[in-house]
PDB file of N, CA and C in Angstrom:
ATOM      1  N   MET A   1     -63.392 127.905 187.605  1.00  0.00           N
ATOM      2  CA  MET A   1     -62.436 128.191 186.559  1.00  0.00           C
ATOM      3  C   MET A   1     -61.813 126.895 186.062  1.00  0.00           C
ATOM      4  N   ALA A   2     -61.668 126.808 184.813  1.00  0.00           N
ATOM      5  CA  ALA A   2     -61.061 125.628 184.197  1.00  0.00           C
ATOM      6  C   ALA A   2     -59.548 125.796 184.154  1.00  0.00           C
ATOM      7  N   ALA A   3     -58.873 124.688 184.072  1.00  0.00           N
ATOM      8  CA  ALA A   3     -57.409 124.711 183.970  1.00  0.00           C
ATOM      9  C   ALA A   3     -57.011 125.301 182.622  1.00  0.00           C
ATOM     10  N   PRO A   4     -55.893 126.008 182.554  1.00  0.00           N
ATOM     11  CA  PRO A   4     -55.493 126.618 181.283  1.00  0.00           C
ATOM     12  C   PRO A   4     -55.147 125.551 180.241  1.00  0.00           C
ATOM     13  N   GLN A   5     -55.459 125.834 179.010  1.00  0.00           N
ATOM     14  CA  GLN A   5     -55.151 124.934 177.898  1.00  0.00           C
ATOM     15  C   GLN A   5     -53.834 125.377 177.262  1.00  0.00           C
ATOM     16  N   TYR A   6     -52.853 124.487 177.278  1.00  0.00           N
ATOM     17  CA  TYR A   6     -51.561 124.789 176.672  1.00  0.00           C
ATOM     18  C   TYR A   6     -51.532 124.268 175.246  1.00  0.00           C
ATOM     19  N   PRO A   7     -50.716 124.840 174.400  1.00  0.00           N
ATOM     20  CA  PRO A   7     -50.617 124.348 173.014  1.00  0.00           C
ATOM     21  C   PRO A   7     -50.117 122.909 172.986  1.00  0.00           C
ATOM     22  N   ALA A   8     -50.417 122.214 171.912  1.00  0.00           N
ATOM     23  CA  ALA A   8     -50.077 120.795 171.786  1.00  0.00           C
ATOM     24  C   ALA A   8     -48.573 120.573 171.820  1.00  0.00           C
ATOM     25  N   TRP A   9     -47.802 121.445 171.173  1.00  0.00           N
ATOM     26  CA  TRP A   9     -46.352 121.253 171.150  1.00  0.00           C
ATOM     27  C   TRP A   9     -45.752 121.362 172.538  1.00  0.00           C
ATOM     28  N   LEU A  10     -46.285 122.222 173.388  1.00  0.00           N
ATOM     29  CA  LEU A  10     -45.786 122.383 174.743  1.00  0.00           C
ATOM     30  C   LEU A  10     -46.149 121.167 175.598  1.00  0.00           C
ATOM     31  N   ARG A  11     -47.341 120.607 175.391  1.00  0.00           N
ATOM     32  CA  ARG A  11     -47.722 119.403 176.126  1.00  0.00           C
ATOM     33  C   ARG A  11     -46.842 118.220 175.739  1.00  0.00           C
ATOM     34  N   ARG A  12     -46.533 118.092 174.417  1.00  0.00           N
ATOM     35  CA  ARG A  12     -45.648 117.009 173.964  1.00  0.00           C
ATOM     36  C   ARG A  12     -44.250 117.160 174.551  1.00  0.00           C
ATOM     37  N   LEU A  13     -43.765 118.388 174.599  1.00  0.00           N
ATOM     38  CA  LEU A  13     -42.435 118.648 175.146  1.00  0.00           C
ATOM     39  C   LEU A  13     -42.371 118.276 176.622  1.00  0.00           C
ATOM     40  N   ALA A  14     -43.378 118.635 177.379  1.00  0.00           N
ATOM     41  CA  ALA A  14     -43.409 118.314 178.808  1.00  0.00           C
ATOM     42  C   ALA A  14     -43.497 116.801 179.021  1.00  0.00           C
ATOM     43  N   ALA A  15     -44.305 116.101 178.207  1.00  0.00           N
ATOM     44  CA  ALA A  15     -44.436 114.653 178.341  1.00  0.00           C
ATOM     45  C   ALA A  15     -43.130 113.962 177.959  1.00  0.00           C
ATOM     46  N   GLU A  16     -42.420 114.497 176.972  1.00  0.00           N
ATOM     47  CA  GLU A  16     -41.155 113.912 176.526  1.00  0.00           C
ATOM     48  C   GLU A  16     -40.091 114.033 177.617  1.00  0.00           C
ATOM     49  N   ARG A  17     -40.066 115.145 178.287  1.00  0.00           N
ATOM     50  CA  ARG A  17     -39.072 115.360 179.345  1.00  0.00           C
ATOM     51  C   ARG A  17     -39.297 114.424 180.529  1.00  0.00           C
ATOM     52  N   LYS A  18     -40.551 114.082 180.791  1.00  0.00           N
ATOM     53  CA  LYS A  18     -40.840 113.184 181.899  1.00  0.00           C
ATOM     54  C   LYS A  18     -40.348 111.766 181.608  1.00  0.00           C
ATOM     55  N   ARG A  19     -40.394 111.354 180.353  1.00  0.00           N
ATOM     56  CA  ARG A  19     -39.999 109.998 179.973  1.00  0.00           C
ATOM     57  C   ARG A  19     -38.497 109.866 179.729  1.00  0.00           C
ATOM     58  N   ARG A  20     -37.809 110.939 179.484  1.00  0.00           N
ATOM     59  CA  ARG A  20     -36.414 110.917 179.082  1.00  0.00           C
ATOM     60  C   ARG A  20     -35.508 110.419 180.216  1.00  0.00           C
ATOM     61  N   ALA A  21     -34.457 109.687 179.857  1.00  0.00           N
ATOM     62  CA  ALA A  21     -33.465 109.190 180.813  1.00  0.00           C
ATOM     63  C   ALA A  21     -32.585 110.354 181.273  1.00  0.00           C
ATOM     64  N   PRO A  22     -31.871 110.175 182.354  1.00  0.00           N
ATOM     65  CA  PRO A  22     -30.983 111.251 182.809  1.00  0.00           C
ATOM     66  C   PRO A  22     -29.967 111.626 181.737  1.00  0.00           C
ATOM     67  N   ALA A  23     -29.560 112.870 181.736  1.00  0.00           N
ATOM     68  CA  ALA A  23     -28.664 113.375 180.699  1.00  0.00           C
ATOM     69  C   ALA A  23     -27.267 112.773 180.821  1.00  0.00           C
ATOM     70  N   VAL A  24     -26.789 112.530 182.028  1.00  0.00           N
ATOM     71  CA  VAL A  24     -25.428 112.022 182.233  1.00  0.00           C
ATOM     72  C   VAL A  24     -25.496 110.573 182.685  1.00  0.00           C
ATOM     73  N   ARG A  25     -24.879 109.713 181.910  1.00  0.00           N
ATOM     74  CA  ARG A  25     -24.757 108.303 182.281  1.00  0.00           C
ATOM     75  C   ARG A  25     -23.285 107.956 182.234  1.00  0.00           C
ATOM     76  N   PRO A  26     -22.632 107.896 183.381  1.00  0.00           N
ATOM     77  CA  PRO A  26     -21.195 107.616 183.370  1.00  0.00           C
ATOM     78  C   PRO A  26     -20.911 106.188 182.911  1.00  0.00           C
ATOM     79  N   THR A  27     -19.838 106.027 182.143  1.00  0.00           N
ATOM     80  CA  THR A  27     -19.448 104.696 181.678  1.00  0.00           C
ATOM     81  C   THR A  27     -18.735 103.924 182.778  1.00  0.00           C
ATOM     82  N   ARG A  28     -18.054 104.658 183.645  1.00  0.00           N
ATOM     83  CA  ARG A  28     -17.388 104.042 184.796  1.00  0.00           C
ATOM     84  C   ARG A  28     -17.959 104.671 186.057  1.00  0.00           C
ATOM     85  N   PRO A  29     -17.766 104.028 187.207  1.00  0.00           N
ATOM     86  CA  PRO A  29     -18.266 104.637 188.443  1.00  0.00           C
ATOM     87  C   PRO A  29     -17.558 105.961 188.736  1.00  0.00           C
ATOM     88  N   LEU A  30     -18.288 106.881 189.319  1.00  0.00           N
ATOM     89  CA  LEU A  30     -17.732 108.189 189.642  1.00  0.00           C
ATOM     90  C   LEU A  30     -16.930 108.112 190.938  1.00  0.00           C
ATOM     91  N   VAL A  31     -15.715 107.592 190.824  1.00  0.00           N
ATOM     92  CA  VAL A  31     -14.829 107.405 191.969  1.00  0.00           C
ATOM     93  C   VAL A  31     -13.484 108.000 191.605  1.00  0.00           C
ATOM     94  N   LEU A  32     -12.847 108.657 192.544  1.00  0.00           N
ATOM     95  CA  LEU A  32     -11.522 109.226 192.292  1.00  0.00           C
ATOM     96  C   LEU A  32     -10.487 108.124 192.117  1.00  0.00           C
ATOM     97  N   ALA A  33      -9.504 108.379 191.275  1.00  0.00           N
ATOM     98  CA  ALA A  33      -8.425 107.414 191.055  1.00  0.00           C
ATOM     99  C   ALA A  33      -7.465 107.439 192.236  1.00  0.00           C
ATOM    100  N   ASN A  34      -6.630 106.413 192.328  1.00  0.00           N
ATOM    101  CA  ASN A  34      -5.659 106.337 193.419  1.00  0.00           C
ATOM    102  C   ASN A  34      -4.327 106.961 193.048  1.00  0.00           C
ATOM    103  N   GLN A  35      -4.291 107.724 191.969  1.00  0.00           N
ATOM    104  CA  GLN A  35      -3.083 108.454 191.618  1.00  0.00           C
ATOM    105  C   GLN A  35      -3.454 109.668 190.780  1.00  0.00           C
ATOM    106  N   VAL A  36      -2.551 110.630 190.731  1.00  0.00           N
ATOM    107  CA  VAL A  36      -2.742 111.820 189.919  1.00  0.00           C
ATOM    108  C   VAL A  36      -1.622 111.885 188.889  1.00  0.00           C
ATOM    109  N   ALA A  37      -1.811 112.692 187.857  1.00  0.00           N
ATOM    110  CA  ALA A  37      -0.793 112.840 186.818  1.00  0.00           C
ATOM    111  C   ALA A  37       0.448 113.493 187.418  1.00  0.00           C
ATOM    112  N   ASN A  38       1.582 113.009 187.020  1.00  0.00           N
ATOM    113  CA  ASN A  38       2.849 113.499 187.572  1.00  0.00           C
ATOM    114  C   ASN A  38       3.349 114.660 186.725  1.00  0.00           C
ATOM    115  N   ARG A  39       2.703 115.790 186.850  1.00  0.00           N
ATOM    116  CA  ARG A  39       3.062 116.968 186.067  1.00  0.00           C
ATOM    117  C   ARG A  39       4.016 117.842 186.846  1.00  0.00           C
ATOM    118  N   ARG A  40       4.812 118.551 186.112  1.00  0.00           N
ATOM    119  CA  ARG A  40       5.745 119.488 186.749  1.00  0.00           C
ATOM    120  C   ARG A  40       4.988 120.741 187.175  1.00  0.00           C
ATOM    121  N   LEU A  41       5.407 121.283 188.288  1.00  0.00           N
ATOM    122  CA  LEU A  41       4.819 122.537 188.714  1.00  0.00           C
ATOM    123  C   LEU A  41       5.382 123.656 187.844  1.00  0.00           C
ATOM    124  N   ARG A  42       4.603 124.684 187.649  1.00  0.00           N
ATOM    125  CA  ARG A  42       5.055 125.793 186.811  1.00  0.00           C
ATOM    126  C   ARG A  42       6.260 126.467 187.439  1.00  0.00           C
ATOM    127  N   LEU A  43       7.217 126.772 186.591  1.00  0.00           N
ATOM    128  CA  LEU A  43       8.395 127.473 187.074  1.00  0.00           C
ATOM    129  C   LEU A  43       8.038 128.927 187.329  1.00  0.00           C
ATOM    130  N   GLY A  44       8.685 129.507 188.320  1.00  0.00           N
ATOM    131  CA  GLY A  44       8.445 130.906 188.628  1.00  0.00           C
ATOM    132  C   GLY A  44       9.186 131.799 187.649  1.00  0.00           C
ATOM    133  N   GLU A  45       9.060 133.067 187.852  1.00  0.00           N
ATOM    134  CA  GLU A  45       9.731 134.005 186.967  1.00  0.00           C
ATOM    135  C   GLU A  45      11.219 134.051 187.288  1.00  0.00           C
ATOM    136  N   ALA A  46      12.004 134.513 186.357  1.00  0.00           N
ATOM    137  CA  ALA A  46      13.446 134.618 186.551  1.00  0.00           C
ATOM    138  C   ALA A  46      13.723 135.664 187.619  1.00  0.00           C
ATOM    139  N   THR A  47      14.719 135.393 188.435  1.00  0.00           N
ATOM    140  CA  THR A  47      15.042 136.308 189.523  1.00  0.00           C
ATOM    141  C   THR A  47      16.362 137.002 189.246  1.00  0.00           C
ATOM    142  N   CYS A  48      16.552 138.136 189.844  1.00  0.00           N
ATOM    143  CA  CYS A  48      17.793 138.930 189.790  1.00  0.00           C
ATOM    144  C   CYS A  48      18.152 139.369 188.373  1.00  0.00           C
ATOM    145  N   THR A  49      17.177 139.535 187.518  1.00  0.00           N
ATOM    146  CA  THR A  49      17.484 139.934 186.140  1.00  0.00           C
ATOM    147  C   THR A  49      17.942 141.389 186.063  1.00  0.00           C
ATOM    148  N   THR A  50      17.369 142.246 186.886  1.00  0.00           N
ATOM    149  CA  THR A  50      17.797 143.655 186.845  1.00  0.00           C
ATOM    150  C   THR A  50      19.231 143.789 187.335  1.00  0.00           C
ATOM    151  N   GLU A  51      19.577 143.067 188.398  1.00  0.00           N
ATOM    152  CA  GLU A  51      20.948 143.119 188.919  1.00  0.00           C
ATOM    153  C   GLU A  51      21.930 142.576 187.887  1.00  0.00           C
ATOM    154  N   MET A  52      21.518 141.504 187.199  1.00  0.00           N
ATOM    155  CA  MET A  52      22.393 140.916 186.188  1.00  0.00           C
ATOM    156  C   MET A  52      22.595 141.871 185.015  1.00  0.00           C
ATOM    157  N   SER A  53      21.504 142.541 184.596  1.00  0.00           N
ATOM    158  CA  SER A  53      21.644 143.477 183.471  1.00  0.00           C
ATOM    159  C   SER A  53      22.511 144.673 183.846  1.00  0.00           C
ATOM    160  N   LEU A  54      22.397 145.145 185.098  1.00  0.00           N
ATOM    161  CA  LEU A  54      23.272 146.233 185.544  1.00  0.00           C
ATOM    162  C   LEU A  54      24.734 145.788 185.562  1.00  0.00           C
ATOM    163  N   LEU A  55      24.977 144.561 185.988  1.00  0.00           N
ATOM    164  CA  LEU A  55      26.336 144.028 186.006  1.00  0.00           C
ATOM    165  C   LEU A  55      26.892 143.921 184.586  1.00  0.00           C
ATOM    166  N   MET A  56      26.081 143.425 183.653  1.00  0.00           N
ATOM    167  CA  MET A  56      26.537 143.301 182.263  1.00  0.00           C
ATOM    168  C   MET A  56      26.836 144.671 181.652  1.00  0.00           C
ATOM    169  N   ALA A  57      25.971 145.649 181.944  1.00  0.00           N
ATOM    170  CA  ALA A  57      26.205 147.001 181.422  1.00  0.00           C
ATOM    171  C   ALA A  57      27.485 147.590 181.992  1.00  0.00           C
ATOM    172  N   CYS A  58      27.728 147.357 183.280  1.00  0.00           N
ATOM    173  CA  CYS A  58      28.952 147.860 183.916  1.00  0.00           C
ATOM    174  C   CYS A  58      30.184 147.207 183.294  1.00  0.00           C
ATOM    175  N   TRP A  59      30.115 145.915 183.081  1.00  0.00           N
ATOM    176  CA  TRP A  59      31.249 145.218 182.453  1.00  0.00           C
ATOM    177  C   TRP A  59      31.521 145.768 181.052  1.00  0.00           C
ATOM    178  N   LYS A  60      30.447 146.022 180.300  1.00  0.00           N
ATOM    179  CA  LYS A  60      30.607 146.521 178.938  1.00  0.00           C
ATOM    180  C   LYS A  60      31.248 147.906 178.932  1.00  0.00           C
ATOM    181  N   GLN A  61      30.850 148.757 179.891  1.00  0.00           N
ATOM    182  CA  GLN A  61      31.409 150.105 179.957  1.00  0.00           C
ATOM    183  C   GLN A  61      32.866 150.097 180.393  1.00  0.00           C
ATOM    184  N   ASN A  62      33.245 149.148 181.241  1.00  0.00           N
ATOM    185  CA  ASN A  62      34.593 149.130 181.821  1.00  0.00           C
ATOM    186  C   ASN A  62      35.476 148.022 181.240  1.00  0.00           C
ATOM    187  N   ALA A  63      35.191 147.571 180.042  1.00  0.00           N
ATOM    188  CA  ALA A  63      36.000 146.571 179.343  1.00  0.00           C
ATOM    189  C   ALA A  63      36.174 145.306 180.186  1.00  0.00           C
ATOM    190  N   PHE A  64      35.095 144.851 180.787  1.00  0.00           N
ATOM    191  CA  PHE A  64      35.049 143.610 181.573  1.00  0.00           C
ATOM    192  C   PHE A  64      36.077 143.586 182.711  1.00  0.00           C
ATOM    193  N   ASN A  65      36.202 144.730 183.373  1.00  0.00           N
ATOM    194  CA  ASN A  65      37.108 144.857 184.517  1.00  0.00           C
ATOM    195  C   ASN A  65      36.296 144.621 185.795  1.00  0.00           C
ATOM    196  N   ASP A  66      36.645 143.548 186.542  1.00  0.00           N
ATOM    197  CA  ASP A  66      35.904 143.222 187.762  1.00  0.00           C
ATOM    198  C   ASP A  66      36.102 144.254 188.865  1.00  0.00           C
ATOM    199  N   ALA A  67      37.262 144.870 188.918  1.00  0.00           N
ATOM    200  CA  ALA A  67      37.539 145.833 189.990  1.00  0.00           C
ATOM    201  C   ALA A  67      36.633 147.053 189.878  1.00  0.00           C
ATOM    202  N   ALA A  68      36.337 147.472 188.677  1.00  0.00           N
ATOM    203  CA  ALA A  68      35.497 148.661 188.483  1.00  0.00           C
ATOM    204  C   ALA A  68      34.021 148.355 188.770  1.00  0.00           C
ATOM    205  N   CYS A  69      33.631 147.089 188.679  1.00  0.00           N
ATOM    206  CA  CYS A  69      32.227 146.715 188.872  1.00  0.00           C
ATOM    207  C   CYS A  69      32.017 145.920 190.157  1.00  0.00           C
ATOM    208  N   ALA A  70      32.829 146.136 191.151  1.00  0.00           N
ATOM    209  CA  ALA A  70      32.745 145.352 192.395  1.00  0.00           C
ATOM    210  C   ALA A  70      31.396 145.538 193.084  1.00  0.00           C
ATOM    211  N   LYS A  71      30.874 146.762 193.061  1.00  0.00           N
ATOM    212  CA  LYS A  71      29.596 147.025 193.724  1.00  0.00           C
ATOM    213  C   LYS A  71      28.460 146.252 193.044  1.00  0.00           C
ATOM    214  N   GLU A  72      28.419 146.253 191.709  1.00  0.00           N
ATOM    215  CA  GLU A  72      27.375 145.537 190.961  1.00  0.00           C
ATOM    216  C   GLU A  72      27.491 144.025 191.158  1.00  0.00           C
ATOM    217  N   ILE A  73      28.731 143.525 191.198  1.00  0.00           N
ATOM    218  CA  ILE A  73      28.954 142.096 191.416  1.00  0.00           C
ATOM    219  C   ILE A  73      28.423 141.685 192.790  1.00  0.00           C
ATOM    220  N   GLN A  74      28.721 142.487 193.800  1.00  0.00           N
ATOM    221  CA  GLN A  74      28.271 142.169 195.156  1.00  0.00           C
ATOM    222  C   GLN A  74      26.743 142.234 195.258  1.00  0.00           C
ATOM    223  N   THR A  75      26.135 143.214 194.598  1.00  0.00           N
ATOM    224  CA  THR A  75      24.676 143.324 194.595  1.00  0.00           C
ATOM    225  C   THR A  75      24.046 142.096 193.953  1.00  0.00           C
ATOM    226  N   PHE A  76      24.624 141.625 192.830  1.00  0.00           N
ATOM    227  CA  PHE A  76      24.099 140.442 192.152  1.00  0.00           C
ATOM    228  C   PHE A  76      24.238 139.207 193.041  1.00  0.00           C
ATOM    229  N   TYR A  77      25.401 139.029 193.660  1.00  0.00           N
ATOM    230  CA  TYR A  77      25.604 137.870 194.542  1.00  0.00           C
ATOM    231  C   TYR A  77      24.663 137.897 195.747  1.00  0.00           C
ATOM    232  N   ASP A  78      24.413 139.089 196.296  1.00  0.00           N
ATOM    233  CA  ASP A  78      23.475 139.206 197.419  1.00  0.00           C
ATOM    234  C   ASP A  78      22.058 138.808 196.991  1.00  0.00           C
ATOM    235  N   CYS A  79      21.669 139.251 195.805  1.00  0.00           N
ATOM    236  CA  CYS A  79      20.331 138.902 195.295  1.00  0.00           C
ATOM    237  C   CYS A  79      20.211 137.405 195.091  1.00  0.00           C
ATOM    238  N   VAL A  80      21.228 136.770 194.523  1.00  0.00           N
ATOM    239  CA  VAL A  80      21.197 135.322 194.290  1.00  0.00           C
ATOM    240  C   VAL A  80      21.122 134.573 195.617  1.00  0.00           C
ATOM    241  N   ALA A  81      21.888 135.000 196.609  1.00  0.00           N
ATOM    242  CA  ALA A  81      21.871 134.334 197.916  1.00  0.00           C
ATOM    243  C   ALA A  81      20.503 134.471 198.579  1.00  0.00           C
ATOM    244  N   LYS A  82      19.924 135.674 198.502  1.00  0.00           N
ATOM    245  CA  LYS A  82      18.601 135.897 199.102  1.00  0.00           C
ATOM    246  C   LYS A  82      17.545 135.040 198.412  1.00  0.00           C
ATOM    247  N   THR A  83      17.590 134.953 197.098  1.00  0.00           N
ATOM    248  CA  THR A  83      16.637 134.146 196.341  1.00  0.00           C
ATOM    249  C   THR A  83      16.801 132.666 196.656  1.00  0.00           C
ATOM    250  N   ASP A  84      18.043 132.219 196.818  1.00  0.00           N
ATOM    251  CA  ASP A  84      18.299 130.816 197.142  1.00  0.00           C
ATOM    252  C   ASP A  84      17.723 130.458 198.513  1.00  0.00           C
ATOM    253  N   VAL A  85      17.875 131.345 199.483  1.00  0.00           N
ATOM    254  CA  VAL A  85      17.315 131.108 200.822  1.00  0.00           C
ATOM    255  C   VAL A  85      15.792 131.044 200.754  1.00  0.00           C
ATOM    256  N   GLU A  86      15.172 131.961 200.011  1.00  0.00           N
ATOM    257  CA  GLU A  86      13.714 131.952 199.872  1.00  0.00           C
ATOM    258  C   GLU A  86      13.229 130.672 199.199  1.00  0.00           C
ATOM    259  N   HIS A  87      13.959 130.213 198.194  1.00  0.00           N
ATOM    260  CA  HIS A  87      13.585 128.981 197.491  1.00  0.00           C
ATOM    261  C   HIS A  87      13.665 127.770 198.417  1.00  0.00           C
ATOM    262  N   LYS A  88      14.708 127.700 199.222  1.00  0.00           N
ATOM    263  CA  LYS A  88      14.854 126.581 200.156  1.00  0.00           C
ATOM    264  C   LYS A  88      13.750 126.596 201.210  1.00  0.00           C
ATOM    265  N   GLU A  89      13.379 127.778 201.696  1.00  0.00           N
ATOM    266  CA  GLU A  89      12.286 127.882 202.676  1.00  0.00           C
ATOM    267  C   GLU A  89      10.959 127.445 202.060  1.00  0.00           C
ATOM    268  N   ARG A  90      10.726 127.833 200.806  1.00  0.00           N
ATOM    269  CA  ARG A  90       9.497 127.446 200.126  1.00  0.00           C
ATOM    270  C   ARG A  90       9.440 125.929 199.939  1.00  0.00           C
ATOM    271  N   LEU A  91      10.557 125.317 199.551  1.00  0.00           N
ATOM    272  CA  LEU A  91      10.596 123.865 199.403  1.00  0.00           C
ATOM    273  C   LEU A  91      10.348 123.166 200.735  1.00  0.00           C
ATOM    274  N   LYS A  92      10.895 123.728 201.802  1.00  0.00           N
ATOM    275  CA  LYS A  92      10.708 123.147 203.127  1.00  0.00           C
ATOM    276  C   LYS A  92       9.238 123.221 203.542  1.00  0.00           C
ATOM    277  N   GLN A  93       8.594 124.353 203.293  1.00  0.00           N
ATOM    278  CA  GLN A  93       7.188 124.499 203.641  1.00  0.00           C
ATOM    279  C   GLN A  93       6.306 123.588 202.788  1.00  0.00           C
ATOM    280  N   GLU A  94       6.657 123.418 201.503  1.00  0.00           N
ATOM    281  CA  GLU A  94       5.883 122.526 200.640  1.00  0.00           C
ATOM    282  C   GLU A  94       5.990 121.089 201.103  1.00  0.00           C
ATOM    283  N   SER A  95       7.188 120.693 201.537  1.00  0.00           N
ATOM    284  CA  SER A  95       7.362 119.313 201.986  1.00  0.00           C
ATOM    285  C   SER A  95       6.610 119.058 203.285  1.00  0.00           C
ATOM    286  N   LEU A  96       6.461 120.078 204.106  1.00  0.00           N
ATOM    287  CA  LEU A  96       5.710 119.925 205.352  1.00  0.00           C
ATOM    288  C   LEU A  96       4.206 120.060 205.132  1.00  0.00           C
ATOM    289  N   GLY A  97       3.803 120.492 203.958  1.00  0.00           N
ATOM    290  CA  GLY A  97       2.380 120.618 203.653  1.00  0.00           C
ATOM    291  C   GLY A  97       1.762 121.904 204.161  1.00  0.00           C
ATOM    292  N   LYS A  98       2.569 122.915 204.445  1.00  0.00           N
ATOM    293  CA  LYS A  98       2.028 124.177 204.948  1.00  0.00           C
ATOM    294  C   LYS A  98       1.542 125.079 203.826  1.00  0.00           C
ATOM    295  N   MET A  99       1.928 124.781 202.600  1.00  0.00           N
ATOM    296  CA  MET A  99       1.478 125.578 201.462  1.00  0.00           C
ATOM    297  C   MET A  99       0.080 125.098 201.057  1.00  0.00           C
ATOM    298  N   GLY A 100      -0.592 125.850 200.235  1.00  0.00           N
ATOM    299  CA  GLY A 100      -1.938 125.492 199.805  1.00  0.00           C
ATOM    300  C   GLY A 100      -1.972 124.305 198.865  1.00  0.00           C
ATOM    301  N   ASN A 101      -0.970 124.162 198.012  1.00  0.00           N
ATOM    302  CA  ASN A 101      -0.970 123.100 197.013  1.00  0.00           C
ATOM    303  C   ASN A 101       0.083 122.057 197.347  1.00  0.00           C
ATOM    304  N   LEU A 102      -0.256 120.801 197.143  1.00  0.00           N
ATOM    305  CA  LEU A 102       0.697 119.718 197.314  1.00  0.00           C
ATOM    306  C   LEU A 102       1.256 119.346 195.954  1.00  0.00           C
ATOM    307  N   SER A 103       2.482 118.880 195.934  1.00  0.00           N
ATOM    308  CA  SER A 103       3.072 118.434 194.681  1.00  0.00           C
ATOM    309  C   SER A 103       2.442 117.100 194.281  1.00  0.00           C
ATOM    310  N   PRO A 104       2.454 116.760 192.995  1.00  0.00           N
ATOM    311  CA  PRO A 104       1.877 115.477 192.561  1.00  0.00           C
ATOM    312  C   PRO A 104       2.550 114.282 193.229  1.00  0.00           C
ATOM    313  N   LYS A 105       3.834 114.388 193.481  1.00  0.00           N
ATOM    314  CA  LYS A 105       4.559 113.298 194.139  1.00  0.00           C
ATOM    315  C   LYS A 105       4.013 113.069 195.554  1.00  0.00           C
ATOM    316  N   THR A 106       3.768 114.159 196.285  1.00  0.00           N
ATOM    317  CA  THR A 106       3.234 114.054 197.637  1.00  0.00           C
ATOM    318  C   THR A 106       1.805 113.511 197.620  1.00  0.00           C
ATOM    319  N   VAL A 107       1.004 113.946 196.662  1.00  0.00           N
ATOM    320  CA  VAL A 107      -0.384 113.471 196.569  1.00  0.00           C
ATOM    321  C   VAL A 107      -0.405 111.975 196.279  1.00  0.00           C
ATOM    322  N   ASN A 108       0.456 111.517 195.363  1.00  0.00           N
ATOM    323  CA  ASN A 108       0.509 110.084 195.052  1.00  0.00           C
ATOM    324  C   ASN A 108       0.953 109.271 196.259  1.00  0.00           C
ATOM    325  N   LYS A 109       1.882 109.815 197.012  1.00  0.00           N
ATOM    326  CA  LYS A 109       2.350 109.122 198.212  1.00  0.00           C
ATOM    327  C   LYS A 109       1.205 108.983 199.225  1.00  0.00           C
ATOM    328  N   LEU A 110       0.423 110.053 199.390  1.00  0.00           N
ATOM    329  CA  LEU A 110      -0.709 110.006 200.319  1.00  0.00           C
ATOM    330  C   LEU A 110      -1.808 109.068 199.816  1.00  0.00           C
ATOM    331  N   LEU A 111      -2.041 109.056 198.506  1.00  0.00           N
ATOM    332  CA  LEU A 111      -3.073 108.171 197.953  1.00  0.00           C
ATOM    333  C   LEU A 111      -2.666 106.704 198.041  1.00  0.00           C
ATOM    334  N   ARG A 112      -1.365 106.413 197.957  1.00  0.00           N
ATOM    335  CA  ARG A 112      -0.923 105.029 198.164  1.00  0.00           C
ATOM    336  C   ARG A 112      -1.119 104.624 199.615  1.00  0.00           C
ATOM    337  N   ARG A 113      -0.926 105.565 200.501  1.00  0.00           N
ATOM    338  CA  ARG A 113      -1.080 105.280 201.933  1.00  0.00           C
ATOM    339  C   ARG A 113      -2.546 105.123 202.316  1.00  0.00           C
ATOM    340  N   PHE A 114      -3.399 105.954 201.725  1.00  0.00           N
ATOM    341  CA  PHE A 114      -4.826 105.932 202.022  1.00  0.00           C
ATOM    342  C   PHE A 114      -5.605 105.756 200.718  1.00  0.00           C
ATOM    343  N   PRO A 115      -5.698 104.552 200.173  1.00  0.00           N
ATOM    344  CA  PRO A 115      -6.361 104.373 198.875  1.00  0.00           C
ATOM    345  C   PRO A 115      -7.866 104.562 198.973  1.00  0.00           C
ATOM    346  N   ASN A 116      -8.465 104.785 197.829  1.00  0.00           N
ATOM    347  CA  ASN A 116      -9.901 104.961 197.719  1.00  0.00           C
ATOM    348  C   ASN A 116     -10.590 103.601 197.842  1.00  0.00           C
ATOM    349  N   ILE A 117     -11.608 103.497 198.664  1.00  0.00           N
ATOM    350  CA  ILE A 117     -12.313 102.228 198.856  1.00  0.00           C
ATOM    351  C   ILE A 117     -13.369 102.117 197.764  1.00  0.00           C
ATOM    352  N   THR A 118     -13.225 101.103 196.899  1.00  0.00           N
ATOM    353  CA  THR A 118     -14.153 100.943 195.778  1.00  0.00           C
ATOM    354  C   THR A 118     -14.859  99.588 195.814  1.00  0.00           C
ATOM    355  N   ASP A 119     -15.055  99.004 196.986  1.00  0.00           N
ATOM    356  CA  ASP A 119     -15.693  97.695 197.095  1.00  0.00           C
ATOM    357  C   ASP A 119     -17.170  97.739 196.712  1.00  0.00           C
ATOM    358  N   ASN A 120     -17.851  98.820 196.995  1.00  0.00           N
ATOM    359  CA  ASN A 120     -19.291  98.898 196.785  1.00  0.00           C
ATOM    360  C   ASN A 120     -19.680  99.302 195.382  1.00  0.00           C
ATOM    361  N   PHE A 121     -18.707  99.532 194.502  1.00  0.00           N
ATOM    362  CA  PHE A 121     -19.044 100.054 193.164  1.00  0.00           C
ATOM    363  C   PHE A 121     -18.937  98.978 192.137  1.00  0.00           C
TER     364      PHE A 121
END
């Protein structure tokens, strides 16, 4: 059996691909930089908004009398205190590196301590 005969255009295409240079030619060496962009982390959603809206509605109904809305005021303050404690714990865990993501400031500090070795490039 003879080898199959392919059309001329397909043979030219195959020969062209063999001669072609690689598709990606980096202008600089593919090495990580020793710093990252100092971007702000995304802010979380607003907290205690339902408690605040209930407090505002109570004030509006009672002509801004604090005595009549003592329960709503206490609920709002409890929510704020609980959220503040959670925020402080999250910051503490981030500073210790127990969270999945490091802040850009921490990454830059680590990269200054352990820079990328680029002698061979």
